[in-house]
Amino acid sequence: MKNCPACKSGSIKSFFKSRDYFLSKEEFLVEECNECGLRFTNPRPGFSEILKYYDSADYISHDSSRKGLLTWIYTNARNYMLNKKFNIVSACSKGKHILDIGCGTGEFLNICKSRGFESYGVELNEKPREAAIQNYGLEIKKSLDDYLLEDAKFDCITLWHVLEHIHDLGNTMHMVKQLLKPEGSLIIALPNSSSWDAVHYGQFWAAYDLPRHLYHFNKSSFAKFAGIHKLKIIKILPQVLDSFYISLLSEKYRTGKNNFLKAFLNGAISNFYARKQGNAYSSLIYILHA
């Protein structure tokens, strides 16, 4: 790409080179836009090519059957966060129609459904999509276009660590705004590439997750991105637990082995500085209105 995928500026510079430490071990370049500050993977695999970088039984986001300590930590943290996510949605949504984009195997939507929400999802990958349908009886589409064809409208649309994976940012945001009711809430969770743990681990920071993460936002670049799409940030909330899990993976990427004590310490340090610096946590939840 010769232009920034967010603001379309042609003024971009190299930020650093890093690797896909999770799977392929291939090297990728991260560049930064001089205008809006967005960091992005460039060049990046195409829409069809990138699927192979998700093709691993160890990709925990789509596989709840894996064993091991990392999976146990992730699963328990995820179960805790499912209730936190629902509470956020319940507090900011004025109605009961919710759409979760990148819903995976449907655990979050199932909680919403069990608590009175009409729950719908979008999931590109067939295996988690079918699991969500079969296990929870959810209505899950392959594409946002399917809901546009039905002229659906939602009180709340969520993207929990999904926006950073989407190739066509502009078209996706255009469709999201079409599907959102006039007073609806948009909730987007993202890694924060300016957090203490991101700076500390540098190219080994697990939340860069190259090349699966195409974009690497911080608060400033996301605010500019929201402004481009005429979205107003109403509130920013922390995901406090993310610093611990990300530090654990980052330690493994940097040293080749798990170091739980050091990861816990660095996660705690990251959260300490995040509070001092004004909500600069490892991951952030943005609540927006159109």
C-alpha atoms as a PDB file:
ATOM      1  CA  MET A   1       0.000   0.000   0.000  1.00  0.00           C
ATOM      2  CA  LYS A   2       1.269   3.444  -0.957  1.00  0.00           C
ATOM      3  CA  ASN A   3      -1.344   5.261   1.122  1.00  0.00           C
ATOM      4  CA  CYS A   4      -2.530   5.031   4.709  1.00  0.00           C
ATOM      5  CA  PRO A   5      -5.553   2.670   4.887  1.00  0.00           C
ATOM      6  CA  ALA A   6      -7.306   5.032   7.326  1.00  0.00           C
ATOM      7  CA  CYS A   7      -6.758   8.628   6.157  1.00  0.00           C
ATOM      8  CA  LYS A   8      -5.378   7.863   2.662  1.00  0.00           C
ATOM      9  CA  SER A   9      -2.314  10.039   3.174  1.00  0.00           C
ATOM     10  CA  GLY A  10       0.679   9.159   1.024  1.00  0.00           C
ATOM     11  CA  SER A  11       3.077  10.298   3.748  1.00  0.00           C
ATOM     12  CA  ILE A  12       4.146   7.063   5.446  1.00  0.00           C
ATOM     13  CA  LYS A  13       7.378   5.834   7.001  1.00  0.00           C
ATOM     14  CA  SER A  14       8.884   2.570   8.157  1.00  0.00           C
ATOM     15  CA  PHE A  15       8.278   1.831  11.857  1.00  0.00           C
ATOM     16  CA  PHE A  16       9.968  -1.564  12.344  1.00  0.00           C
ATOM     17  CA  LYS A  17      10.261  -5.114  11.095  1.00  0.00           C
ATOM     18  CA  SER A  18       8.984  -8.000  13.161  1.00  0.00           C
ATOM     19  CA  ARG A  19       7.891 -11.616  12.730  1.00  0.00           C
ATOM     20  CA  ASP A  20       4.888 -13.862  12.946  1.00  0.00           C
ATOM     21  CA  TYR A  21       6.128 -15.443  16.183  1.00  0.00           C
ATOM     22  CA  PHE A  22       2.909 -17.401  16.568  1.00  0.00           C
ATOM     23  CA  LEU A  23       2.898 -19.497  13.408  1.00  0.00           C
ATOM     24  CA  SER A  24       4.856 -18.919  10.205  1.00  0.00           C
ATOM     25  CA  LYS A  25       7.957 -17.112  11.584  1.00  0.00           C
ATOM     26  CA  GLU A  26       7.854 -14.944   8.447  1.00  0.00           C
ATOM     27  CA  GLU A  27       9.063 -11.345   8.647  1.00  0.00           C
ATOM     28  CA  PHE A  28       6.717  -8.404   8.105  1.00  0.00           C
ATOM     29  CA  LEU A  29       7.122  -4.637   7.971  1.00  0.00           C
ATOM     30  CA  VAL A  30       5.052  -2.245  10.075  1.00  0.00           C
ATOM     31  CA  GLU A  31       4.751   1.308   8.733  1.00  0.00           C
ATOM     32  CA  GLU A  32       3.347   4.464  10.283  1.00  0.00           C
ATOM     33  CA  CYS A  33       1.275   7.251   8.757  1.00  0.00           C
ATOM     34  CA  ASN A  34       2.810  10.698   9.278  1.00  0.00           C
ATOM     35  CA  GLU A  35      -0.636  12.317   9.170  1.00  0.00           C
ATOM     36  CA  CYS A  36      -2.923  10.263  11.440  1.00  0.00           C
ATOM     37  CA  GLY A  37      -0.331   8.142  13.251  1.00  0.00           C
ATOM     38  CA  LEU A  38      -1.849   4.776  12.365  1.00  0.00           C
ATOM     39  CA  ARG A  39       0.633   1.904  12.241  1.00  0.00           C
ATOM     40  CA  PHE A  40      -0.183  -0.823   9.766  1.00  0.00           C
ATOM     41  CA  THR A  41       1.282  -4.009   8.329  1.00  0.00           C
ATOM     42  CA  ASN A  42       2.616  -3.247   4.852  1.00  0.00           C
ATOM     43  CA  PRO A  43       2.783  -5.130   2.590  1.00  0.00           C
ATOM     44  CA  ARG A  44       0.201  -7.536   3.893  1.00  0.00           C
ATOM     45  CA  PRO A  45      -1.249 -10.847   2.691  1.00  0.00           C
ATOM     46  CA  GLY A  46      -4.329 -10.562   0.511  1.00  0.00           C
ATOM     47  CA  PHE A  47      -7.813 -11.508   1.717  1.00  0.00           C
ATOM     48  CA  SER A  48      -7.546 -15.108   0.496  1.00  0.00           C
ATOM     49  CA  GLU A  49      -3.863 -15.571   1.294  1.00  0.00           C
ATOM     50  CA  ILE A  50      -4.176 -14.473   4.919  1.00  0.00           C
ATOM     51  CA  LEU A  51      -6.437 -17.394   5.836  1.00  0.00           C
ATOM     52  CA  LYS A  52      -3.418 -19.712   6.068  1.00  0.00           C
ATOM     53  CA  TYR A  53      -2.032 -17.576   8.924  1.00  0.00           C
ATOM     54  CA  TYR A  54      -5.060 -18.569  11.015  1.00  0.00           C
ATOM     55  CA  ASP A  55      -4.741 -22.258  10.125  1.00  0.00           C
ATOM     56  CA  SER A  56      -3.556 -23.641  13.453  1.00  0.00           C
ATOM     57  CA  ALA A  57      -5.218 -25.650  16.197  1.00  0.00           C
ATOM     58  CA  ASP A  58      -3.371 -23.361  18.621  1.00  0.00           C
ATOM     59  CA  TYR A  59      -5.312 -20.297  17.461  1.00  0.00           C
ATOM     60  CA  ILE A  60      -7.203 -20.056  20.742  1.00  0.00           C
ATOM     61  CA  SER A  61      -9.732 -17.441  19.604  1.00  0.00           C
ATOM     62  CA  HIS A  62     -11.474 -20.056  17.457  1.00  0.00           C
ATOM     63  CA  ASP A  63     -10.710 -23.262  19.340  1.00  0.00           C
ATOM     64  CA  SER A  64     -12.116 -23.859  22.815  1.00  0.00           C
ATOM     65  CA  SER A  65     -11.026 -27.512  22.927  1.00  0.00           C
ATOM     66  CA  ARG A  66      -7.279 -26.937  23.360  1.00  0.00           C
ATOM     67  CA  LYS A  67      -5.511 -27.964  26.582  1.00  0.00           C
ATOM     68  CA  GLY A  68      -2.600 -26.444  28.466  1.00  0.00           C
ATOM     69  CA  LEU A  69      -1.902 -23.624  30.910  1.00  0.00           C
ATOM     70  CA  LEU A  70      -2.015 -20.795  28.356  1.00  0.00           C
ATOM     71  CA  THR A  71      -5.393 -22.001  27.117  1.00  0.00           C
ATOM     72  CA  TRP A  72      -6.637 -22.339  30.712  1.00  0.00           C
ATOM     73  CA  ILE A  73      -5.559 -18.764  31.493  1.00  0.00           C
ATOM     74  CA  TYR A  74      -7.096 -17.438  28.284  1.00  0.00           C
ATOM     75  CA  THR A  75     -10.363 -19.350  28.770  1.00  0.00           C
ATOM     76  CA  ASN A  76     -10.865 -18.235  32.365  1.00  0.00           C
ATOM     77  CA  ALA A  77     -10.022 -14.629  31.529  1.00  0.00           C
ATOM     78  CA  ARG A  78     -12.411 -14.826  28.576  1.00  0.00           C
ATOM     79  CA  ASN A  79     -15.248 -16.174  30.734  1.00  0.00           C
ATOM     80  CA  TYR A  80     -14.734 -13.317  33.192  1.00  0.00           C
ATOM     81  CA  MET A  81     -14.712 -10.811  30.331  1.00  0.00           C
ATOM     82  CA  LEU A  82     -17.906 -12.212  28.792  1.00  0.00           C
ATOM     83  CA  ASN A  83     -19.872 -10.915  31.755  1.00  0.00           C
ATOM     84  CA  LYS A  84     -17.965  -7.627  31.717  1.00  0.00           C
ATOM     85  CA  LYS A  85     -18.759  -7.200  28.030  1.00  0.00           C
ATOM     86  CA  PHE A  86     -22.441  -7.870  28.603  1.00  0.00           C
ATOM     87  CA  ASN A  87     -22.530  -5.296  31.387  1.00  0.00           C
ATOM     88  CA  ILE A  88     -20.982  -2.716  29.057  1.00  0.00           C
ATOM     89  CA  VAL A  89     -23.516  -3.494  26.325  1.00  0.00           C
ATOM     90  CA  SER A  90     -26.413  -3.458  28.777  1.00  0.00           C
ATOM     91  CA  ALA A  91     -25.346  -0.067  30.137  1.00  0.00           C
ATOM     92  CA  CYS A  92     -24.949   1.694  26.792  1.00  0.00           C
ATOM     93  CA  SER A  93     -27.575   0.028  24.568  1.00  0.00           C
ATOM     94  CA  LYS A  94     -31.022   1.616  24.413  1.00  0.00           C
ATOM     95  CA  GLY A  95     -32.583  -1.507  22.932  1.00  0.00           C
ATOM     96  CA  LYS A  96     -32.233  -5.284  22.762  1.00  0.00           C
ATOM     97  CA  HIS A  97     -31.010  -5.892  19.191  1.00  0.00           C
ATOM     98  CA  ILE A  98     -27.278  -6.636  19.100  1.00  0.00           C
ATOM     99  CA  LEU A  99     -24.909  -7.546  16.271  1.00  0.00           C
ATOM    100  CA  ASP A 100     -21.458  -8.951  17.091  1.00  0.00           C
ATOM    101  CA  ILE A 101     -19.016  -8.771  14.169  1.00  0.00           C
ATOM    102  CA  GLY A 102     -16.357 -11.469  14.283  1.00  0.00           C
ATOM    103  CA  CYS A 103     -18.399 -13.401  16.827  1.00  0.00           C
ATOM    104  CA  GLY A 104     -16.259 -16.570  16.683  1.00  0.00           C
ATOM    105  CA  THR A 105     -17.919 -19.537  18.366  1.00  0.00           C
ATOM    106  CA  GLY A 106     -20.702 -17.354  19.801  1.00  0.00           C
ATOM    107  CA  GLU A 107     -20.120 -17.422  23.576  1.00  0.00           C
ATOM    108  CA  PHE A 108     -20.664 -13.678  23.995  1.00  0.00           C
ATOM    109  CA  LEU A 109     -23.807 -13.648  21.884  1.00  0.00           C
ATOM    110  CA  ASN A 110     -25.147 -16.639  23.776  1.00  0.00           C
ATOM    111  CA  ILE A 111     -24.839 -14.734  27.061  1.00  0.00           C
ATOM    112  CA  CYS A 112     -26.662 -11.793  25.479  1.00  0.00           C
ATOM    113  CA  LYS A 113     -29.362 -14.142  24.186  1.00  0.00           C
ATOM    114  CA  SER A 114     -29.799 -15.804  27.590  1.00  0.00           C
ATOM    115  CA  ARG A 115     -30.317 -12.359  29.136  1.00  0.00           C
ATOM    116  CA  GLY A 116     -33.035 -11.146  26.812  1.00  0.00           C
ATOM    117  CA  PHE A 117     -31.205  -9.703  23.786  1.00  0.00           C
ATOM    118  CA  GLU A 118     -32.037 -10.587  20.198  1.00  0.00           C
ATOM    119  CA  SER A 119     -28.546 -11.678  19.242  1.00  0.00           C
ATOM    120  CA  TYR A 120     -27.046 -11.802  15.749  1.00  0.00           C
ATOM    121  CA  GLY A 121     -23.527 -12.313  14.508  1.00  0.00           C
ATOM    122  CA  VAL A 122     -21.098 -12.187  11.603  1.00  0.00           C
ATOM    123  CA  GLU A 123     -18.285 -14.721  11.321  1.00  0.00           C
ATOM    124  CA  LEU A 124     -16.248 -15.256   8.163  1.00  0.00           C
ATOM    125  CA  ASN A 125     -14.624 -18.534   9.178  1.00  0.00           C
ATOM    126  CA  GLU A 126     -16.829 -21.562   8.649  1.00  0.00           C
ATOM    127  CA  LYS A 127     -15.762 -23.716  11.614  1.00  0.00           C
ATOM    128  CA  PRO A 128     -16.524 -21.211  14.423  1.00  0.00           C
ATOM    129  CA  ARG A 129     -19.609 -19.970  12.560  1.00  0.00           C
ATOM    130  CA  GLU A 130     -21.100 -23.462  12.416  1.00  0.00           C
ATOM    131  CA  ALA A 131     -20.186 -24.075  16.066  1.00  0.00           C
ATOM    132  CA  ALA A 132     -22.063 -20.918  17.114  1.00  0.00           C
ATOM    133  CA  ILE A 133     -25.132 -21.981  15.140  1.00  0.00           C
ATOM    134  CA  GLN A 134     -25.144 -25.598  16.298  1.00  0.00           C
ATOM    135  CA  ASN A 135     -24.210 -25.031  19.954  1.00  0.00           C
ATOM    136  CA  TYR A 136     -26.341 -21.986  20.705  1.00  0.00           C
ATOM    137  CA  GLY A 137     -28.964 -21.745  17.960  1.00  0.00           C
ATOM    138  CA  LEU A 138     -27.734 -18.296  16.973  1.00  0.00           C
ATOM    139  CA  GLU A 139     -28.339 -16.525  13.674  1.00  0.00           C
ATOM    140  CA  ILE A 140     -24.851 -16.022  12.255  1.00  0.00           C
ATOM    141  CA  LYS A 141     -24.129 -14.673   8.776  1.00  0.00           C
ATOM    142  CA  LYS A 142     -20.929 -14.920   6.788  1.00  0.00           C
ATOM    143  CA  SER A 143     -20.928 -11.253   5.780  1.00  0.00           C
ATOM    144  CA  LEU A 144     -22.311  -7.871   6.820  1.00  0.00           C
ATOM    145  CA  ASP A 145     -23.840  -7.645   3.347  1.00  0.00           C
ATOM    146  CA  ASP A 146     -26.352 -10.319   4.335  1.00  0.00           C
ATOM    147  CA  TYR A 147     -27.830  -8.049   7.005  1.00  0.00           C
ATOM    148  CA  LEU A 148     -27.868  -5.068   4.653  1.00  0.00           C
ATOM    149  CA  LEU A 149     -29.945  -7.114   2.224  1.00  0.00           C
ATOM    150  CA  GLU A 150     -32.429  -7.771   5.022  1.00  0.00           C
ATOM    151  CA  ASP A 151     -32.513  -4.034   5.894  1.00  0.00           C
ATOM    152  CA  ALA A 152     -31.674  -4.896   9.512  1.00  0.00           C
ATOM    153  CA  LYS A 153     -31.029  -2.289  12.184  1.00  0.00           C
ATOM    154  CA  PHE A 154     -29.312  -2.752  15.530  1.00  0.00           C
ATOM    155  CA  ASP A 155     -29.250  -0.932  18.857  1.00  0.00           C
ATOM    156  CA  CYS A 156     -25.691  -2.053  19.499  1.00  0.00           C
ATOM    157  CA  ILE A 157     -22.904  -3.323  17.233  1.00  0.00           C
ATOM    158  CA  THR A 158     -19.744  -4.782  18.738  1.00  0.00           C
ATOM    159  CA  LEU A 159     -16.293  -5.598  17.379  1.00  0.00           C
ATOM    160  CA  TRP A 160     -14.267  -7.228  20.164  1.00  0.00           C
ATOM    161  CA  HIS A 161     -10.680  -7.231  18.862  1.00  0.00           C
ATOM    162  CA  VAL A 162     -11.887  -7.619  15.279  1.00  0.00           C
ATOM    163  CA  LEU A 163     -11.345  -4.269  13.527  1.00  0.00           C
ATOM    164  CA  GLU A 164      -7.576  -4.844  13.402  1.00  0.00           C
ATOM    165  CA  HIS A 165      -8.177  -7.952  11.260  1.00  0.00           C
ATOM    166  CA  ILE A 166     -10.444  -6.401   8.597  1.00  0.00           C
ATOM    167  CA  HIS A 167      -8.944  -5.679   5.164  1.00  0.00           C
ATOM    168  CA  ASP A 168     -11.443  -3.080   3.915  1.00  0.00           C
ATOM    169  CA  LEU A 169     -11.737  -0.597   6.770  1.00  0.00           C
ATOM    170  CA  GLY A 170     -13.640   2.069   4.868  1.00  0.00           C
ATOM    171  CA  ASN A 171     -16.371  -0.156   3.432  1.00  0.00           C
ATOM    172  CA  THR A 172     -16.788  -1.995   6.725  1.00  0.00           C
ATOM    173  CA  MET A 173     -17.326   1.215   8.670  1.00  0.00           C
ATOM    174  CA  HIS A 174     -19.761   2.430   6.010  1.00  0.00           C
ATOM    175  CA  MET A 175     -21.830  -0.755   6.393  1.00  0.00           C
ATOM    176  CA  VAL A 176     -21.667  -0.620  10.188  1.00  0.00           C
ATOM    177  CA  LYS A 177     -23.122   2.902  10.164  1.00  0.00           C
ATOM    178  CA  GLN A 178     -25.898   1.741   7.834  1.00  0.00           C
ATOM    179  CA  LEU A 179     -26.806  -1.089  10.201  1.00  0.00           C
ATOM    180  CA  LEU A 180     -26.705   1.010  13.380  1.00  0.00           C
ATOM    181  CA  LYS A 181     -29.901   2.657  14.592  1.00  0.00           C
ATOM    182  CA  PRO A 182     -29.746   6.491  14.846  1.00  0.00           C
ATOM    183  CA  GLU A 183     -29.202   6.382  18.625  1.00  0.00           C
ATOM    184  CA  GLY A 184     -27.318   3.102  18.573  1.00  0.00           C
ATOM    185  CA  SER A 185     -23.976   2.374  20.211  1.00  0.00           C
ATOM    186  CA  LEU A 186     -20.872   1.042  18.483  1.00  0.00           C
ATOM    187  CA  ILE A 187     -18.371  -0.755  20.719  1.00  0.00           C
ATOM    188  CA  ILE A 188     -14.859  -1.444  19.440  1.00  0.00           C
ATOM    189  CA  ALA A 189     -12.102  -3.131  21.477  1.00  0.00           C
ATOM    190  CA  LEU A 190      -8.509  -2.800  20.249  1.00  0.00           C
ATOM    191  CA  PRO A 191      -4.929  -3.336  21.410  1.00  0.00           C
ATOM    192  CA  ASN A 192      -3.163  -0.091  22.330  1.00  0.00           C
ATOM    193  CA  SER A 193       0.216   0.102  20.609  1.00  0.00           C
ATOM    194  CA  SER A 194       1.303   2.942  22.930  1.00  0.00           C
ATOM    195  CA  SER A 195       0.803   1.000  26.162  1.00  0.00           C
ATOM    196  CA  TRP A 196       3.733   0.377  28.503  1.00  0.00           C
ATOM    197  CA  ASP A 197       3.898  -3.318  27.595  1.00  0.00           C
ATOM    198  CA  ALA A 198       3.862  -2.490  23.864  1.00  0.00           C
ATOM    199  CA  VAL A 199       6.838  -0.162  24.282  1.00  0.00           C
ATOM    200  CA  HIS A 200       8.620  -2.551  26.653  1.00  0.00           C
ATOM    201  CA  TYR A 201       8.382  -5.599  24.375  1.00  0.00           C
ATOM    202  CA  GLY A 202       8.788  -3.722  21.083  1.00  0.00           C
ATOM    203  CA  GLN A 203       8.866  -6.083  18.114  1.00  0.00           C
ATOM    204  CA  PHE A 204       8.057  -9.017  20.436  1.00  0.00           C
ATOM    205  CA  TRP A 205       4.785  -7.494  21.676  1.00  0.00           C
ATOM    206  CA  ALA A 206       2.251 -10.255  21.111  1.00  0.00           C
ATOM    207  CA  ALA A 207      -0.610  -7.873  20.269  1.00  0.00           C
ATOM    208  CA  TYR A 208       1.119  -6.894  17.028  1.00  0.00           C
ATOM    209  CA  ASP A 209       0.200 -10.472  15.999  1.00  0.00           C
ATOM    210  CA  LEU A 210       1.598 -10.100  12.484  1.00  0.00           C
ATOM    211  CA  PRO A 211       0.221 -10.533   9.902  1.00  0.00           C
ATOM    212  CA  ARG A 212      -3.217 -11.320  11.351  1.00  0.00           C
ATOM    213  CA  HIS A 213      -3.398  -7.810  12.819  1.00  0.00           C
ATOM    214  CA  LEU A 214      -3.350  -5.450   9.862  1.00  0.00           C
ATOM    215  CA  TYR A 215      -3.619  -2.234  11.920  1.00  0.00           C
ATOM    216  CA  HIS A 216      -2.023  -1.160  15.200  1.00  0.00           C
ATOM    217  CA  PHE A 217      -4.042   1.662  16.764  1.00  0.00           C
ATOM    218  CA  ASN A 218      -3.371   3.816  19.795  1.00  0.00           C
ATOM    219  CA  LYS A 219      -5.799   6.311  21.341  1.00  0.00           C
ATOM    220  CA  SER A 220      -4.677   9.155  19.110  1.00  0.00           C
ATOM    221  CA  SER A 221      -4.814   7.295  15.795  1.00  0.00           C
ATOM    222  CA  PHE A 222      -8.151   5.715  16.673  1.00  0.00           C
ATOM    223  CA  ALA A 223      -9.632   9.102  17.563  1.00  0.00           C
ATOM    224  CA  LYS A 224      -8.601  10.381  14.130  1.00  0.00           C
ATOM    225  CA  PHE A 225      -9.998   7.238  12.496  1.00  0.00           C
ATOM    226  CA  ALA A 226     -13.322   7.748  14.299  1.00  0.00           C
ATOM    227  CA  GLY A 227     -13.395  11.371  13.159  1.00  0.00           C
ATOM    228  CA  ILE A 228     -12.832  10.365   9.537  1.00  0.00           C
ATOM    229  CA  HIS A 229     -15.975   8.219   9.760  1.00  0.00           C
ATOM    230  CA  LYS A 230     -17.938  10.873  11.658  1.00  0.00           C
ATOM    231  CA  LEU A 231     -18.137   8.819  14.812  1.00  0.00           C
ATOM    232  CA  LYS A 232     -18.007  10.386  18.274  1.00  0.00           C
ATOM    233  CA  ILE A 233     -16.107   8.641  21.071  1.00  0.00           C
ATOM    234  CA  ILE A 234     -18.391   8.741  24.120  1.00  0.00           C
ATOM    235  CA  LYS A 235     -16.242   6.766  26.538  1.00  0.00           C
ATOM    236  CA  ILE A 236     -13.012   4.752  26.685  1.00  0.00           C
ATOM    237  CA  LEU A 237     -12.814   1.773  29.046  1.00  0.00           C
ATOM    238  CA  PRO A 238      -9.780  -0.362  29.981  1.00  0.00           C
ATOM    239  CA  GLN A 239      -9.313  -4.104  29.499  1.00  0.00           C
ATOM    240  CA  VAL A 240      -7.108  -4.534  32.535  1.00  0.00           C
ATOM    241  CA  LEU A 241      -6.503  -8.284  32.222  1.00  0.00           C
ATOM    242  CA  ASP A 242      -5.101  -8.045  28.703  1.00  0.00           C
ATOM    243  CA  SER A 243      -1.718  -6.734  29.859  1.00  0.00           C
ATOM    244  CA  PHE A 244      -1.058  -9.962  31.788  1.00  0.00           C
ATOM    245  CA  TYR A 245      -1.956 -12.336  28.961  1.00  0.00           C
ATOM    246  CA  ILE A 246      -0.171 -10.243  26.334  1.00  0.00           C
ATOM    247  CA  SER A 247       2.931 -10.017  28.548  1.00  0.00           C
ATOM    248  CA  LEU A 248       2.889 -13.784  28.988  1.00  0.00           C
ATOM    249  CA  LEU A 249       2.857 -14.357  25.226  1.00  0.00           C
ATOM    250  CA  SER A 250       5.405 -11.594  24.645  1.00  0.00           C
ATOM    251  CA  GLU A 251       7.830 -13.170  27.125  1.00  0.00           C
ATOM    252  CA  LYS A 252       7.542 -16.447  25.251  1.00  0.00           C
ATOM    253  CA  TYR A 253       8.149 -14.753  21.901  1.00  0.00           C
ATOM    254  CA  ARG A 254      11.177 -12.869  23.239  1.00  0.00           C
ATOM    255  CA  THR A 255      12.870 -15.663  25.218  1.00  0.00           C
ATOM    256  CA  GLY A 256      11.423 -18.851  23.753  1.00  0.00           C
ATOM    257  CA  LYS A 257       9.948 -19.978  27.070  1.00  0.00           C
ATOM    258  CA  ASN A 258       7.187 -19.110  29.511  1.00  0.00           C
ATOM    259  CA  ASN A 259       8.028 -16.857  32.429  1.00  0.00           C
ATOM    260  CA  PHE A 260       4.825 -16.449  34.427  1.00  0.00           C
ATOM    261  CA  LEU A 261       6.290 -14.408  37.267  1.00  0.00           C
ATOM    262  CA  LYS A 262       7.969 -11.880  34.973  1.00  0.00           C
ATOM    263  CA  ALA A 263       4.887 -11.662  32.765  1.00  0.00           C
ATOM    264  CA  PHE A 264       2.672 -11.004  35.792  1.00  0.00           C
ATOM    265  CA  LEU A 265       5.072  -8.332  37.032  1.00  0.00           C
ATOM    266  CA  ASN A 266       5.208  -6.599  33.648  1.00  0.00           C
ATOM    267  CA  GLY A 267       1.440  -6.784  33.308  1.00  0.00           C
ATOM    268  CA  ALA A 268       1.085  -5.101  36.682  1.00  0.00           C
ATOM    269  CA  ILE A 269       3.663  -2.435  35.770  1.00  0.00           C
ATOM    270  CA  SER A 270       1.815  -1.761  32.514  1.00  0.00           C
ATOM    271  CA  ASN A 271      -1.471  -1.255  34.365  1.00  0.00           C
ATOM    272  CA  PHE A 272       0.238   0.994  36.928  1.00  0.00           C
ATOM    273  CA  TYR A 273       1.576   3.307  34.220  1.00  0.00           C
ATOM    274  CA  ALA A 274      -1.713   3.090  32.325  1.00  0.00           C
ATOM    275  CA  ARG A 275      -3.537   4.624  35.287  1.00  0.00           C
ATOM    276  CA  LYS A 276      -0.873   7.320  35.725  1.00  0.00           C
ATOM    277  CA  GLN A 277      -0.898   8.215  32.024  1.00  0.00           C
ATOM    278  CA  GLY A 278      -4.673   8.395  31.719  1.00  0.00           C
ATOM    279  CA  ASN A 279      -6.175   5.160  30.455  1.00  0.00           C
ATOM    280  CA  ALA A 280      -3.149   3.931  28.465  1.00  0.00           C
ATOM    281  CA  TYR A 281      -3.927   0.261  29.034  1.00  0.00           C
ATOM    282  CA  SER A 282      -2.771  -2.633  26.874  1.00  0.00           C
ATOM    283  CA  SER A 283      -6.245  -2.898  25.336  1.00  0.00           C
ATOM    284  CA  LEU A 284      -9.021  -0.321  25.236  1.00  0.00           C
ATOM    285  CA  ILE A 285     -12.769  -0.427  24.628  1.00  0.00           C
ATOM    286  CA  TYR A 286     -14.173   2.520  22.674  1.00  0.00           C
ATOM    287  CA  ILE A 287     -17.880   3.329  22.913  1.00  0.00           C
ATOM    288  CA  LEU A 288     -19.018   5.442  19.976  1.00  0.00           C
ATOM    289  CA  HIS A 289     -22.146   7.058  18.561  1.00  0.00           C
ATOM    290  CA  ALA A 290     -22.729   8.032  14.948  1.00  0.00           C
END
